Amino acid sequence: MQMRKYQPIWEQIKRDTTAQLVADIRLHDRIINGVRKEKARDLGWKLELSEQGTPAYELNENIEGKLITFYLVANRRNKLTNL
């Protein structure tokens, strides 16, 4: 099975809770949306968190020039509700 375009970034975020990449500023919105879509599609990860009783995670990003930093933040207010 071939990996999707933004899947490697999402896999790194899941593994390390953060990922950084440098990209042309004009591509930032596309990259951010692509990574968010990967998180939304990853039902296995959501199910695993739910079974462990782990809080849901929000995917946030910080942009400094051409650098995008993605990071996961535990959302302690909600458990996983939108699988």
PDB file of N, CA and C in Angstrom:
ATOM      1  N   MET A   1       0.842  -1.179   0.000  1.00  0.00           N
ATOM      2  CA  MET A   1       0.000   0.000   0.000  1.00  0.00           C
ATOM      3  C   MET A   1       0.890   1.246   0.000  1.00  0.00           C
ATOM      4  N   GLN A   2       0.591   2.170  -0.869  1.00  0.00           N
ATOM      5  CA  GLN A   2       1.379   3.381  -1.009  1.00  0.00           C
ATOM      6  C   GLN A   2       0.964   4.427   0.036  1.00  0.00           C
ATOM      7  N   MET A   3       1.963   5.103   0.584  1.00  0.00           N
ATOM      8  CA  MET A   3       1.682   6.139   1.566  1.00  0.00           C
ATOM      9  C   MET A   3       1.121   7.378   0.881  1.00  0.00           C
ATOM     10  N   ARG A   4       0.168   8.007   1.550  1.00  0.00           N
ATOM     11  CA  ARG A   4      -0.396   9.244   1.021  1.00  0.00           C
ATOM     12  C   ARG A   4       0.599  10.389   1.251  1.00  0.00           C
ATOM     13  N   LYS A   5       0.384  11.484   0.575  1.00  0.00           N
ATOM     14  CA  LYS A   5       1.339  12.592   0.546  1.00  0.00           C
ATOM     15  C   LYS A   5       1.697  13.140   1.925  1.00  0.00           C
ATOM     16  N   TYR A   6       0.716  13.344   2.800  1.00  0.00           N
ATOM     17  CA  TYR A   6       0.964  13.959   4.101  1.00  0.00           C
ATOM     18  C   TYR A   6       1.031  12.938   5.232  1.00  0.00           C
ATOM     19  N   GLN A   7       0.863  11.673   4.916  1.00  0.00           N
ATOM     20  CA  GLN A   7       0.885  10.620   5.922  1.00  0.00           C
ATOM     21  C   GLN A   7       2.224  10.533   6.662  1.00  0.00           C
ATOM     22  N   PRO A   8       3.374  10.667   6.015  1.00  0.00           N
ATOM     23  CA  PRO A   8       4.635  10.601   6.763  1.00  0.00           C
ATOM     24  C   PRO A   8       4.758  11.689   7.834  1.00  0.00           C
ATOM     25  N   ILE A   9       4.230  12.861   7.552  1.00  0.00           N
ATOM     26  CA  ILE A   9       4.260  13.941   8.543  1.00  0.00           C
ATOM     27  C   ILE A   9       3.387  13.552   9.726  1.00  0.00           C
ATOM     28  N   TRP A  10       2.181  13.051   9.457  1.00  0.00           N
ATOM     29  CA  TRP A  10       1.274  12.647  10.518  1.00  0.00           C
ATOM     30  C   TRP A  10       1.872  11.511  11.341  1.00  0.00           C
ATOM     31  N   GLU A  11       2.503  10.552  10.690  1.00  0.00           N
ATOM     32  CA  GLU A  11       3.122   9.434  11.416  1.00  0.00           C
ATOM     33  C   GLU A  11       4.199   9.944  12.370  1.00  0.00           C
ATOM     34  N   GLN A  12       4.988  10.926  11.950  1.00  0.00           N
ATOM     35  CA  GLN A  12       6.006  11.493  12.830  1.00  0.00           C
ATOM     36  C   GLN A  12       5.372  12.223  14.014  1.00  0.00           C
ATOM     37  N   ILE A  13       4.294  12.959  13.754  1.00  0.00           N
ATOM     38  CA  ILE A  13       3.599  13.674  14.832  1.00  0.00           C
ATOM     39  C   ILE A  13       3.064  12.674  15.858  1.00  0.00           C
ATOM     40  N   LYS A  14       2.465  11.588  15.396  1.00  0.00           N
ATOM     41  CA  LYS A  14       1.957  10.573  16.321  1.00  0.00           C
ATOM     42  C   LYS A  14       3.090   9.980  17.157  1.00  0.00           C
ATOM     43  N   ARG A  15       4.203   9.706  16.520  1.00  0.00           N
ATOM     44  CA  ARG A  15       5.336   9.066  17.187  1.00  0.00           C
ATOM     45  C   ARG A  15       6.024  10.009  18.173  1.00  0.00           C
ATOM     46  N   ASP A  16       6.265  11.258  17.744  1.00  0.00           N
ATOM     47  CA  ASP A  16       7.084  12.189  18.523  1.00  0.00           C
ATOM     48  C   ASP A  16       6.285  13.330  19.154  1.00  0.00           C
ATOM     49  N   THR A  17       5.003  13.409  18.893  1.00  0.00           N
ATOM     50  CA  THR A  17       4.075  14.485  19.280  1.00  0.00           C
ATOM     51  C   THR A  17       4.425  15.829  18.647  1.00  0.00           C
ATOM     52  N   THR A  18       5.396  15.860  17.762  1.00  0.00           N
ATOM     53  CA  THR A  18       5.742  17.092  17.061  1.00  0.00           C
ATOM     54  C   THR A  18       6.432  16.759  15.740  1.00  0.00           C
ATOM     55  N   ALA A  19       6.372  17.698  14.818  1.00  0.00           N
ATOM     56  CA  ALA A  19       7.092  17.579  13.548  1.00  0.00           C
ATOM     57  C   ALA A  19       7.300  18.983  13.005  1.00  0.00           C
ATOM     58  N   GLN A  20       8.439  19.183  12.362  1.00  0.00           N
ATOM     59  CA  GLN A  20       8.740  20.468  11.752  1.00  0.00           C
ATOM     60  C   GLN A  20       9.090  20.255  10.292  1.00  0.00           C
ATOM     61  N   LEU A  21       8.696  21.227   9.469  1.00  0.00           N
ATOM     62  CA  LEU A  21       9.105  21.198   8.075  1.00  0.00           C
ATOM     63  C   LEU A  21       9.188  22.614   7.544  1.00  0.00           C
ATOM     64  N   VAL A  22      10.022  22.764   6.550  1.00  0.00           N
ATOM     65  CA  VAL A  22      10.202  24.049   5.891  1.00  0.00           C
ATOM     66  C   VAL A  22       9.560  23.953   4.520  1.00  0.00           C
ATOM     67  N   ALA A  23       8.708  24.934   4.211  1.00  0.00           N
ATOM     68  CA  ALA A  23       8.015  24.936   2.920  1.00  0.00           C
ATOM     69  C   ALA A  23       7.727  26.365   2.505  1.00  0.00           C
ATOM     70  N   ASP A  24       7.555  26.546   1.229  1.00  0.00           N
ATOM     71  CA  ASP A  24       7.171  27.844   0.684  1.00  0.00           C
ATOM     72  C   ASP A  24       5.891  28.307   1.376  1.00  0.00           C
ATOM     73  N   ILE A  25       5.851  29.549   1.758  1.00  0.00           N
ATOM     74  CA  ILE A  25       4.711  30.111   2.490  1.00  0.00           C
ATOM     75  C   ILE A  25       3.399  29.899   1.736  1.00  0.00           C
ATOM     76  N   ARG A  26       3.447  29.925   0.410  1.00  0.00           N
ATOM     77  CA  ARG A  26       2.231  29.732  -0.386  1.00  0.00           C
ATOM     78  C   ARG A  26       1.650  28.341  -0.233  1.00  0.00           C
ATOM     79  N   LEU A  27       2.441  27.384   0.255  1.00  0.00           N
ATOM     80  CA  LEU A  27       1.973  26.006   0.410  1.00  0.00           C
ATOM     81  C   LEU A  27       1.523  25.683   1.834  1.00  0.00           C
ATOM     82  N   HIS A  28       1.698  26.602   2.760  1.00  0.00           N
ATOM     83  CA  HIS A  28       1.394  26.322   4.163  1.00  0.00           C
ATOM     84  C   HIS A  28      -0.044  25.865   4.380  1.00  0.00           C
ATOM     85  N   ASP A  29      -1.013  26.575   3.835  1.00  0.00           N
ATOM     86  CA  ASP A  29      -2.419  26.192   4.035  1.00  0.00           C
ATOM     87  C   ASP A  29      -2.691  24.789   3.514  1.00  0.00           C
ATOM     88  N   ARG A  30      -2.148  24.461   2.369  1.00  0.00           N
ATOM     89  CA  ARG A  30      -2.354  23.139   1.775  1.00  0.00           C
ATOM     90  C   ARG A  30      -1.746  22.048   2.660  1.00  0.00           C
ATOM     91  N   ILE A  31      -0.543  22.301   3.165  1.00  0.00           N
ATOM     92  CA  ILE A  31       0.129  21.319   4.017  1.00  0.00           C
ATOM     93  C   ILE A  31      -0.633  21.138   5.326  1.00  0.00           C
ATOM     94  N   ILE A  32      -1.017  22.233   5.949  1.00  0.00           N
ATOM     95  CA  ILE A  32      -1.748  22.157   7.213  1.00  0.00           C
ATOM     96  C   ILE A  32      -3.058  21.400   7.026  1.00  0.00           C
ATOM     97  N   ASN A  33      -3.791  21.708   5.984  1.00  0.00           N
ATOM     98  CA  ASN A  33      -5.052  21.001   5.715  1.00  0.00           C
ATOM     99  C   ASN A  33      -4.813  19.525   5.437  1.00  0.00           C
ATOM    100  N   GLY A  34      -3.749  19.209   4.717  1.00  0.00           N
ATOM    101  CA  GLY A  34      -3.428  17.813   4.418  1.00  0.00           C
ATOM    102  C   GLY A  34      -3.103  17.016   5.665  1.00  0.00           C
ATOM    103  N   VAL A  35      -2.331  17.602   6.570  1.00  0.00           N
ATOM    104  CA  VAL A  35      -1.976  16.908   7.810  1.00  0.00           C
ATOM    105  C   VAL A  35      -3.210  16.763   8.698  1.00  0.00           C
ATOM    106  N   ARG A  36      -4.037  17.791   8.764  1.00  0.00           N
ATOM    107  CA  ARG A  36      -5.278  17.697   9.548  1.00  0.00           C
ATOM    108  C   ARG A  36      -6.190  16.590   8.994  1.00  0.00           C
ATOM    109  N   LYS A  37      -6.230  16.461   7.682  1.00  0.00           N
ATOM    110  CA  LYS A  37      -7.035  15.407   7.061  1.00  0.00           C
ATOM    111  C   LYS A  37      -6.489  14.028   7.427  1.00  0.00           C
ATOM    112  N   GLU A  38      -5.165  13.889   7.468  1.00  0.00           N
ATOM    113  CA  GLU A  38      -4.571  12.611   7.867  1.00  0.00           C
ATOM    114  C   GLU A  38      -4.973  12.255   9.287  1.00  0.00           C
ATOM    115  N   LYS A  39      -4.954  13.233  10.180  1.00  0.00           N
ATOM    116  CA  LYS A  39      -5.367  12.985  11.568  1.00  0.00           C
ATOM    117  C   LYS A  39      -6.833  12.549  11.602  1.00  0.00           C
ATOM    118  N   ALA A  40      -7.675  13.221  10.859  1.00  0.00           N
ATOM    119  CA  ALA A  40      -9.103  12.899  10.841  1.00  0.00           C
ATOM    120  C   ALA A  40      -9.358  11.501  10.279  1.00  0.00           C
ATOM    121  N   ARG A  41      -8.543  11.063   9.333  1.00  0.00           N
ATOM    122  CA  ARG A  41      -8.730   9.751   8.695  1.00  0.00           C
ATOM    123  C   ARG A  41      -8.216   8.593   9.537  1.00  0.00           C
ATOM    124  N   ASP A  42      -7.396   8.885  10.533  1.00  0.00           N
ATOM    125  CA  ASP A  42      -6.715   7.835  11.290  1.00  0.00           C
ATOM    126  C   ASP A  42      -7.618   7.281  12.391  1.00  0.00           C
ATOM    127  N   LEU A  43      -8.607   6.505  11.993  1.00  0.00           N
ATOM    128  CA  LEU A  43      -9.574   5.946  12.936  1.00  0.00           C
ATOM    129  C   LEU A  43      -8.930   4.923  13.868  1.00  0.00           C
ATOM    130  N   GLY A  44      -7.921   4.225  13.402  1.00  0.00           N
ATOM    131  CA  GLY A  44      -7.228   3.249  14.244  1.00  0.00           C
ATOM    132  C   GLY A  44      -6.562   3.914  15.437  1.00  0.00           C
ATOM    133  N   TRP A  45      -5.945   5.048  15.204  1.00  0.00           N
ATOM    134  CA  TRP A  45      -5.289   5.798  16.281  1.00  0.00           C
ATOM    135  C   TRP A  45      -6.323   6.300  17.280  1.00  0.00           C
ATOM    136  N   LYS A  46      -7.443   6.817  16.759  1.00  0.00           N
ATOM    137  CA  LYS A  46      -8.506   7.307  17.635  1.00  0.00           C
ATOM    138  C   LYS A  46      -9.084   6.174  18.478  1.00  0.00           C
ATOM    139  N   LEU A  47      -9.285   5.018  17.869  1.00  0.00           N
ATOM    140  CA  LEU A  47      -9.816   3.868  18.592  1.00  0.00           C
ATOM    141  C   LEU A  47      -8.844   3.416  19.670  1.00  0.00           C
ATOM    142  N   GLU A  48      -7.563   3.377  19.344  1.00  0.00           N
ATOM    143  CA  GLU A  48      -6.545   2.986  20.316  1.00  0.00           C
ATOM    144  C   GLU A  48      -6.548   3.928  21.525  1.00  0.00           C
ATOM    145  N   LEU A  49      -6.619   5.231  21.275  1.00  0.00           N
ATOM    146  CA  LEU A  49      -6.672   6.203  22.370  1.00  0.00           C
ATOM    147  C   LEU A  49      -7.921   5.995  23.212  1.00  0.00           C
ATOM    148  N   SER A  50      -9.035   5.760  22.548  1.00  0.00           N
ATOM    149  CA  SER A  50     -10.306   5.566  23.244  1.00  0.00           C
ATOM    150  C   SER A  50     -10.247   4.336  24.148  1.00  0.00           C
ATOM    151  N   GLU A  51      -9.691   3.248  23.646  1.00  0.00           N
ATOM    152  CA  GLU A  51      -9.587   2.015  24.426  1.00  0.00           C
ATOM    153  C   GLU A  51      -8.671   2.191  25.633  1.00  0.00           C
ATOM    154  N   GLN A  52      -7.673   3.051  25.513  1.00  0.00           N
ATOM    155  CA  GLN A  52      -6.739   3.308  26.612  1.00  0.00           C
ATOM    156  C   GLN A  52      -7.291   4.334  27.596  1.00  0.00           C
ATOM    157  N   GLY A  53      -8.407   4.944  27.253  1.00  0.00           N
ATOM    158  CA  GLY A  53      -8.979   5.974  28.105  1.00  0.00           C
ATOM    159  C   GLY A  53      -8.196   7.274  28.046  1.00  0.00           C
ATOM    160  N   THR A  54      -7.425   7.438  26.984  1.00  0.00           N
ATOM    161  CA  THR A  54      -6.598   8.619  26.798  1.00  0.00           C
ATOM    162  C   THR A  54      -7.452   9.778  26.282  1.00  0.00           C
ATOM    163  N   PRO A  55      -7.191  10.991  26.759  1.00  0.00           N
ATOM    164  CA  PRO A  55      -7.931  12.142  26.232  1.00  0.00           C
ATOM    165  C   PRO A  55      -7.675  12.330  24.738  1.00  0.00           C
ATOM    166  N   ALA A  56      -8.602  12.987  24.097  1.00  0.00           N
ATOM    167  CA  ALA A  56      -8.422  13.323  22.682  1.00  0.00           C
ATOM    168  C   ALA A  56      -7.274  14.314  22.546  1.00  0.00           C
ATOM    169  N   TYR A  57      -6.675  14.364  21.380  1.00  0.00           N
ATOM    170  CA  TYR A  57      -5.589  15.301  21.111  1.00  0.00           C
ATOM    171  C   TYR A  57      -6.002  16.285  20.039  1.00  0.00           C
ATOM    172  N   GLU A  58      -5.612  17.516  20.228  1.00  0.00           N
ATOM    173  CA  GLU A  58      -5.797  18.545  19.209  1.00  0.00           C
ATOM    174  C   GLU A  58      -4.485  18.689  18.455  1.00  0.00           C
ATOM    175  N   LEU A  59      -4.579  18.878  17.160  1.00  0.00           N
ATOM    176  CA  LEU A  59      -3.403  19.137  16.345  1.00  0.00           C
ATOM    177  C   LEU A  59      -3.280  20.641  16.164  1.00  0.00           C
ATOM    178  N   ASN A  60      -2.194  21.189  16.643  1.00  0.00           N
ATOM    179  CA  ASN A  60      -1.935  22.621  16.508  1.00  0.00           C
ATOM    180  C   ASN A  60      -0.699  22.831  15.671  1.00  0.00           C
ATOM    181  N   GLU A  61      -0.558  24.034  15.176  1.00  0.00           N
ATOM    182  CA  GLU A  61       0.630  24.363  14.400  1.00  0.00           C
ATOM    183  C   GLU A  61       1.088  25.772  14.749  1.00  0.00           C
ATOM    184  N   ASN A  62       2.371  25.983  14.561  1.00  0.00           N
ATOM    185  CA  ASN A  62       2.975  27.284  14.757  1.00  0.00           C
ATOM    186  C   ASN A  62       3.784  27.581  13.494  1.00  0.00           C
ATOM    187  N   ILE A  63       3.645  28.777  12.975  1.00  0.00           N
ATOM    188  CA  ILE A  63       4.345  29.154  11.743  1.00  0.00           C
ATOM    189  C   ILE A  63       5.294  30.298  12.048  1.00  0.00           C
ATOM    190  N   GLU A  64       6.540  30.115  11.664  1.00  0.00           N
ATOM    191  CA  GLU A  64       7.555  31.162  11.770  1.00  0.00           C
ATOM    192  C   GLU A  64       8.273  31.233  10.429  1.00  0.00           C
ATOM    193  N   GLY A  65       7.913  32.203   9.615  1.00  0.00           N
ATOM    194  CA  GLY A  65       8.491  32.303   8.275  1.00  0.00           C
ATOM    195  C   GLY A  65       8.099  31.095   7.456  1.00  0.00           C
ATOM    196  N   LYS A  66       9.102  30.352   6.962  1.00  0.00           N
ATOM    197  CA  LYS A  66       8.838  29.162   6.161  1.00  0.00           C
ATOM    198  C   LYS A  66       8.702  27.896   7.006  1.00  0.00           C
ATOM    199  N   LEU A  67       8.973  27.984   8.294  1.00  0.00           N
ATOM    200  CA  LEU A  67       8.946  26.831   9.183  1.00  0.00           C
ATOM    201  C   LEU A  67       7.555  26.606   9.770  1.00  0.00           C
ATOM    202  N   ILE A  68       7.045  25.381   9.601  1.00  0.00           N
ATOM    203  CA  ILE A  68       5.786  24.973  10.220  1.00  0.00           C
ATOM    204  C   ILE A  68       6.130  23.948  11.289  1.00  0.00           C
ATOM    205  N   THR A  69       5.651  24.172  12.497  1.00  0.00           N
ATOM    206  CA  THR A  69       5.814  23.211  13.582  1.00  0.00           C
ATOM    207  C   THR A  69       4.434  22.702  13.967  1.00  0.00           C
ATOM    208  N   PHE A  70       4.234  21.404  13.810  1.00  0.00           N
ATOM    209  CA  PHE A  70       2.999  20.754  14.229  1.00  0.00           C
ATOM    210  C   PHE A  70       3.231  20.135  15.596  1.00  0.00           C
ATOM    211  N   TYR A  71       2.206  20.157  16.446  1.00  0.00           N
ATOM    212  CA  TYR A  71       2.321  19.502  17.744  1.00  0.00           C
ATOM    213  C   TYR A  71       0.946  19.092  18.248  1.00  0.00           C
ATOM    214  N   LEU A  72       0.948  18.025  19.040  1.00  0.00           N
ATOM    215  CA  LEU A  72      -0.286  17.509  19.631  1.00  0.00           C
ATOM    216  C   LEU A  72      -0.432  18.031  21.050  1.00  0.00           C
ATOM    217  N   VAL A  73      -1.650  18.415  21.400  1.00  0.00           N
ATOM    218  CA  VAL A  73      -1.969  18.890  22.739  1.00  0.00           C
ATOM    219  C   VAL A  73      -3.147  18.077  23.249  1.00  0.00           C
ATOM    220  N   ALA A  74      -2.990  17.499  24.444  1.00  0.00           N
ATOM    221  CA  ALA A  74      -4.083  16.717  25.029  1.00  0.00           C
ATOM    222  C   ALA A  74      -5.258  17.635  25.334  1.00  0.00           C
ATOM    223  N   ASN A  75      -6.421  17.205  24.909  1.00  0.00           N
ATOM    224  CA  ASN A  75      -7.656  17.937  25.173  1.00  0.00           C
ATOM    225  C   ASN A  75      -8.343  17.236  26.333  1.00  0.00           C
ATOM    226  N   ARG A  76      -8.068  17.691  27.521  1.00  0.00           N
ATOM    227  CA  ARG A  76      -8.569  17.018  28.727  1.00  0.00           C
ATOM    228  C   ARG A  76     -10.048  17.278  28.970  1.00  0.00           C
ATOM    229  N   ARG A  77     -10.613  18.265  28.297  1.00  0.00           N
ATOM    230  CA  ARG A  77     -12.041  18.551  28.475  1.00  0.00           C
ATOM    231  C   ARG A  77     -12.904  17.452  27.892  1.00  0.00           C
ATOM    232  N   ASN A  78     -12.476  16.897  26.766  1.00  0.00           N
ATOM    233  CA  ASN A  78     -13.302  15.918  26.048  1.00  0.00           C
ATOM    234  C   ASN A  78     -12.551  14.618  25.869  1.00  0.00           C
ATOM    235  N   LYS A  79     -13.253  13.546  25.999  1.00  0.00           N
ATOM    236  CA  LYS A  79     -12.747  12.267  25.527  1.00  0.00           C
ATOM    237  C   LYS A  79     -13.046  12.235  24.033  1.00  0.00           C
ATOM    238  N   LEU A  80     -12.619  11.211  23.373  1.00  0.00           N
ATOM    239  CA  LEU A  80     -12.891  11.122  21.948  1.00  0.00           C
ATOM    240  C   LEU A  80     -14.388  11.019  21.711  1.00  0.00           C
ATOM    241  N   THR A  81     -14.925  11.981  21.004  1.00  0.00           N
ATOM    242  CA  THR A  81     -16.357  11.970  20.762  1.00  0.00           C
ATOM    243  C   THR A  81     -16.703  11.927  19.294  1.00  0.00           C
ATOM    244  N   ASN A  82     -15.796  12.398  18.456  1.00  0.00           N
ATOM    245  CA  ASN A  82     -16.136  12.449  17.029  1.00  0.00           C
ATOM    246  C   ASN A  82     -15.245  11.488  16.255  1.00  0.00           C
ATOM    247  N   LEU A  83     -15.503  10.206  16.464  1.00  0.00           N
ATOM    248  CA  LEU A  83     -14.775   9.199  15.708  1.00  0.00           C
ATOM    249  C   LEU A  83     -15.352   9.189  14.326  1.00  0.00           C
TER     250      LEU A  83
END
